[in-house]
Amino acid sequence: MTIKFTLRKEELDLNFLEKIKGLISSDQLTISVESHDETEYLTRSAKNYKVLIDRIEYVEKGKELIDISTKEIESILQKTNID
């Protein structure tokens, strides 16, 4: 049997391990850990890499930046019901 879990490192605790133990009927299992690097994922294609590099350059040069106040952010969040 193979079960794959994807979780944040804060979610990995003893409670999670106990739940895994409850799913496994055999006495032995293999745990494999894989870290996800979002930058690596974003730079896999040449097009994505160029967009990412261009956007970094924009920020460094202050190009195409916008100013937004905390009140504006709160208003947007209220309109979209995001907490």
N, C-alpha and C. Protein backbone atom coordinates (compact mmCIF):
# COMPACT_ATOMS: atom_id res chain seq x y z
N MET A 1 0.85 -1.17 0.00
CA MET A 1 0.00 0.00 0.00
C MET A 1 0.89 1.23 0.00
N THR A 2 0.49 2.23 -0.77
CA THR A 2 1.20 3.50 -0.81
C THR A 2 0.22 4.62 -0.48
N ILE A 3 0.60 5.46 0.45
CA ILE A 3 -0.19 6.63 0.81
C ILE A 3 0.76 7.82 0.75
N LYS A 4 0.32 8.89 0.11
CA LYS A 4 1.16 10.08 0.01
C LYS A 4 0.46 11.25 0.70
N PHE A 5 1.18 11.93 1.59
CA PHE A 5 0.67 13.10 2.29
C PHE A 5 1.50 14.31 1.87
N THR A 6 0.84 15.42 1.65
CA THR A 6 1.54 16.68 1.41
C THR A 6 1.09 17.64 2.50
N LEU A 7 2.04 18.13 3.28
CA LEU A 7 1.70 19.00 4.39
C LEU A 7 2.81 19.98 4.66
N ARG A 8 2.47 21.01 5.43
CA ARG A 8 3.48 21.99 5.86
C ARG A 8 4.22 21.42 7.07
N LYS A 9 5.45 21.85 7.27
CA LYS A 9 6.25 21.28 8.35
C LYS A 9 5.64 21.51 9.72
N GLU A 10 4.84 22.60 9.88
CA GLU A 10 4.19 22.84 11.17
C GLU A 10 3.13 21.79 11.48
N GLU A 11 2.63 21.13 10.44
CA GLU A 11 1.59 20.11 10.62
C GLU A 11 2.16 18.76 11.01
N LEU A 12 3.46 18.60 10.89
CA LEU A 12 4.09 17.33 11.23
C LEU A 12 4.33 17.28 12.73
N ASP A 13 3.49 16.54 13.42
CA ASP A 13 3.60 16.42 14.87
C ASP A 13 3.26 14.99 15.29
N LEU A 14 3.31 14.73 16.59
CA LEU A 14 3.04 13.38 17.09
C LEU A 14 1.62 12.93 16.76
N ASN A 15 0.67 13.84 16.79
CA ASN A 15 -0.71 13.50 16.46
C ASN A 15 -0.81 12.97 15.02
N PHE A 16 -0.11 13.62 14.10
CA PHE A 16 -0.09 13.18 12.70
C PHE A 16 0.52 11.78 12.59
N LEU A 17 1.62 11.57 13.29
CA LEU A 17 2.27 10.25 13.25
C LEU A 17 1.36 9.17 13.83
N GLU A 18 0.62 9.48 14.87
CA GLU A 18 -0.32 8.51 15.44
C GLU A 18 -1.41 8.16 14.43
N LYS A 19 -1.87 9.15 13.67
CA LYS A 19 -2.88 8.89 12.64
C LYS A 19 -2.33 7.97 11.56
N ILE A 20 -1.06 8.18 11.19
CA ILE A 20 -0.43 7.31 10.19
C ILE A 20 -0.36 5.89 10.73
N LYS A 21 0.05 5.75 11.98
CA LYS A 21 0.13 4.42 12.59
C LYS A 21 -1.22 3.71 12.53
N GLY A 22 -2.30 4.46 12.68
CA GLY A 22 -3.64 3.88 12.61
C GLY A 22 -4.02 3.41 11.22
N LEU A 23 -3.39 3.95 10.20
CA LEU A 23 -3.69 3.58 8.82
C LEU A 23 -2.93 2.35 8.35
N ILE A 24 -1.81 2.06 8.99
CA ILE A 24 -0.91 1.00 8.54
C ILE A 24 -1.16 -0.27 9.33
N SER A 25 -1.35 -1.38 8.60
CA SER A 25 -1.60 -2.65 9.29
C SER A 25 -0.31 -3.44 9.54
N SER A 26 0.73 -3.19 8.77
CA SER A 26 1.98 -3.93 8.96
C SER A 26 2.83 -3.27 10.04
N ASP A 27 3.86 -3.99 10.49
CA ASP A 27 4.73 -3.48 11.54
C ASP A 27 5.84 -2.58 11.01
N GLN A 28 6.06 -2.60 9.71
CA GLN A 28 7.17 -1.83 9.14
C GLN A 28 6.66 -0.93 8.02
N LEU A 29 7.21 0.28 7.95
CA LEU A 29 6.87 1.19 6.88
C LEU A 29 8.08 2.03 6.52
N THR A 30 8.04 2.65 5.37
CA THR A 30 9.11 3.52 4.91
C THR A 30 8.57 4.94 4.82
N ILE A 31 9.31 5.88 5.39
CA ILE A 31 8.92 7.28 5.32
C ILE A 31 9.94 8.00 4.45
N SER A 32 9.46 8.67 3.41
CA SER A 32 10.31 9.42 2.51
C SER A 32 9.93 10.89 2.62
N VAL A 33 10.92 11.77 2.71
CA VAL A 33 10.66 13.20 2.86
C VAL A 33 11.17 13.92 1.62
N GLU A 34 10.31 14.76 1.05
CA GLU A 34 10.67 15.54 -0.13
C GLU A 34 10.31 17.00 0.14
N SER A 35 11.26 17.87 -0.06
CA SER A 35 11.03 19.30 0.16
C SER A 35 10.63 19.95 -1.16
N HIS A 36 9.69 20.87 -1.11
CA HIS A 36 9.24 21.56 -2.31
C HIS A 36 9.80 22.98 -2.30
N ASP A 37 10.58 23.29 -3.31
CA ASP A 37 11.15 24.62 -3.47
C ASP A 37 10.34 25.34 -4.55
N GLU A 38 9.55 26.32 -4.17
CA GLU A 38 8.69 27.01 -5.12
C GLU A 38 9.49 27.71 -6.21
N THR A 39 10.65 28.22 -5.87
CA THR A 39 11.47 28.90 -6.88
C THR A 39 11.91 27.91 -7.95
N GLU A 40 12.30 26.72 -7.53
CA GLU A 40 12.72 25.69 -8.48
C GLU A 40 11.57 25.35 -9.43
N TYR A 41 10.37 25.21 -8.87
CA TYR A 41 9.19 24.91 -9.69
C TYR A 41 8.93 26.03 -10.70
N LEU A 42 9.02 27.27 -10.24
CA LEU A 42 8.73 28.42 -11.10
C LEU A 42 9.74 28.59 -12.22
N THR A 43 10.95 28.10 -12.02
CA THR A 43 12.00 28.31 -13.03
C THR A 43 12.21 27.10 -13.93
N ARG A 44 11.32 26.14 -13.88
CA ARG A 44 11.47 24.95 -14.74
C ARG A 44 11.39 25.29 -16.22
N SER A 45 10.48 26.16 -16.57
CA SER A 45 10.37 26.52 -17.99
C SER A 45 11.10 27.84 -18.23
N ALA A 46 11.63 27.98 -19.43
CA ALA A 46 12.36 29.20 -19.79
C ALA A 46 11.45 30.43 -19.71
N LYS A 47 10.20 30.27 -20.12
CA LYS A 47 9.25 31.39 -20.09
C LYS A 47 9.00 31.85 -18.65
N ASN A 48 8.72 30.91 -17.75
CA ASN A 48 8.50 31.26 -16.35
C ASN A 48 9.74 31.89 -15.73
N TYR A 49 10.90 31.36 -16.07
CA TYR A 49 12.15 31.90 -15.53
C TYR A 49 12.33 33.36 -15.95
N LYS A 50 12.07 33.64 -17.22
CA LYS A 50 12.21 35.02 -17.71
C LYS A 50 11.23 35.96 -17.01
N VAL A 51 9.99 35.52 -16.85
CA VAL A 51 8.99 36.36 -16.17
C VAL A 51 9.43 36.63 -14.74
N LEU A 52 9.90 35.60 -14.04
CA LEU A 52 10.34 35.76 -12.66
C LEU A 52 11.51 36.74 -12.56
N ILE A 53 12.50 36.58 -13.42
CA ILE A 53 13.66 37.47 -13.42
C ILE A 53 13.24 38.90 -13.75
N ASP A 54 12.35 39.05 -14.73
CA ASP A 54 11.86 40.40 -15.09
C ASP A 54 11.16 41.05 -13.90
N ARG A 55 10.33 40.30 -13.20
CA ARG A 55 9.59 40.87 -12.06
C ARG A 55 10.52 41.24 -10.91
N ILE A 56 11.54 40.44 -10.69
CA ILE A 56 12.53 40.77 -9.66
C ILE A 56 13.23 42.07 -10.03
N GLU A 57 13.58 42.20 -11.30
CA GLU A 57 14.23 43.42 -11.79
C GLU A 57 13.31 44.63 -11.63
N TYR A 58 12.02 44.45 -11.92
CA TYR A 58 11.05 45.53 -11.74
C TYR A 58 11.05 46.03 -10.30
N VAL A 59 11.02 45.11 -9.36
CA VAL A 59 10.99 45.48 -7.94
C VAL A 59 12.28 46.20 -7.56
N GLU A 60 13.40 45.66 -8.01
CA GLU A 60 14.69 46.28 -7.69
C GLU A 60 14.79 47.71 -8.23
N LYS A 61 14.18 47.96 -9.39
CA LYS A 61 14.22 49.29 -10.01
C LYS A 61 13.03 50.16 -9.62
N GLY A 62 12.10 49.60 -8.84
CA GLY A 62 10.92 50.36 -8.46
C GLY A 62 9.95 50.55 -9.61
N LYS A 63 10.03 49.70 -10.60
CA LYS A 63 9.23 49.81 -11.81
C LYS A 63 7.88 49.10 -11.63
N GLU A 64 6.80 49.74 -12.08
CA GLU A 64 5.45 49.17 -12.05
C GLU A 64 4.99 48.76 -10.66
N LEU A 65 5.43 49.48 -9.64
CA LEU A 65 4.99 49.20 -8.27
C LEU A 65 3.79 50.07 -7.95
N ILE A 66 2.94 49.59 -7.05
CA ILE A 66 1.80 50.39 -6.61
C ILE A 66 1.85 50.52 -5.10
N ASP A 67 1.29 51.62 -4.60
CA ASP A 67 1.16 51.82 -3.16
C ASP A 67 -0.28 51.52 -2.78
N ILE A 68 -0.46 50.78 -1.70
CA ILE A 68 -1.79 50.46 -1.22
C ILE A 68 -1.78 50.54 0.30
N SER A 69 -2.79 51.17 0.83
CA SER A 69 -2.85 51.36 2.29
C SER A 69 -3.45 50.13 2.97
N THR A 70 -3.23 50.06 4.26
CA THR A 70 -3.80 48.97 5.05
C THR A 70 -5.32 49.00 4.96
N LYS A 71 -5.90 50.19 4.99
CA LYS A 71 -7.37 50.32 4.88
C LYS A 71 -7.87 49.76 3.55
N GLU A 72 -7.14 50.02 2.48
CA GLU A 72 -7.54 49.49 1.18
C GLU A 72 -7.48 47.97 1.16
N ILE A 73 -6.45 47.41 1.76
CA ILE A 73 -6.32 45.96 1.84
C ILE A 73 -7.46 45.37 2.65
N GLU A 74 -7.76 45.97 3.80
CA GLU A 74 -8.86 45.49 4.64
C GLU A 74 -10.19 45.56 3.88
N SER A 75 -10.40 46.62 3.13
CA SER A 75 -11.63 46.77 2.34
C SER A 75 -11.74 45.67 1.29
N ILE A 76 -10.66 45.40 0.62
CA ILE A 76 -10.65 44.34 -0.40
C ILE A 76 -10.94 42.99 0.25
N LEU A 77 -10.31 42.72 1.39
CA LEU A 77 -10.53 41.46 2.08
C LEU A 77 -11.97 41.31 2.53
N GLN A 78 -12.57 42.38 3.01
CA GLN A 78 -13.98 42.33 3.44
C GLN A 78 -14.89 42.05 2.25
N LYS A 79 -14.61 42.66 1.13
CA LYS A 79 -15.44 42.46 -0.07
C LYS A 79 -15.34 41.03 -0.59
N THR A 80 -14.19 40.41 -0.41
CA THR A 80 -14.00 39.04 -0.90
C THR A 80 -14.19 38.00 0.19
N ASN A 81 -14.54 38.44 1.39
CA ASN A 81 -14.76 37.54 2.54
C ASN A 81 -13.55 36.70 2.88
N ILE A 82 -12.37 37.27 2.78
CA ILE A 82 -11.14 36.58 3.14
C ILE A 82 -10.70 37.09 4.49
N ASP A 83 -10.42 36.16 5.40
CA ASP A 83 -9.96 36.54 6.75
C ASP A 83 -8.47 36.44 6.86
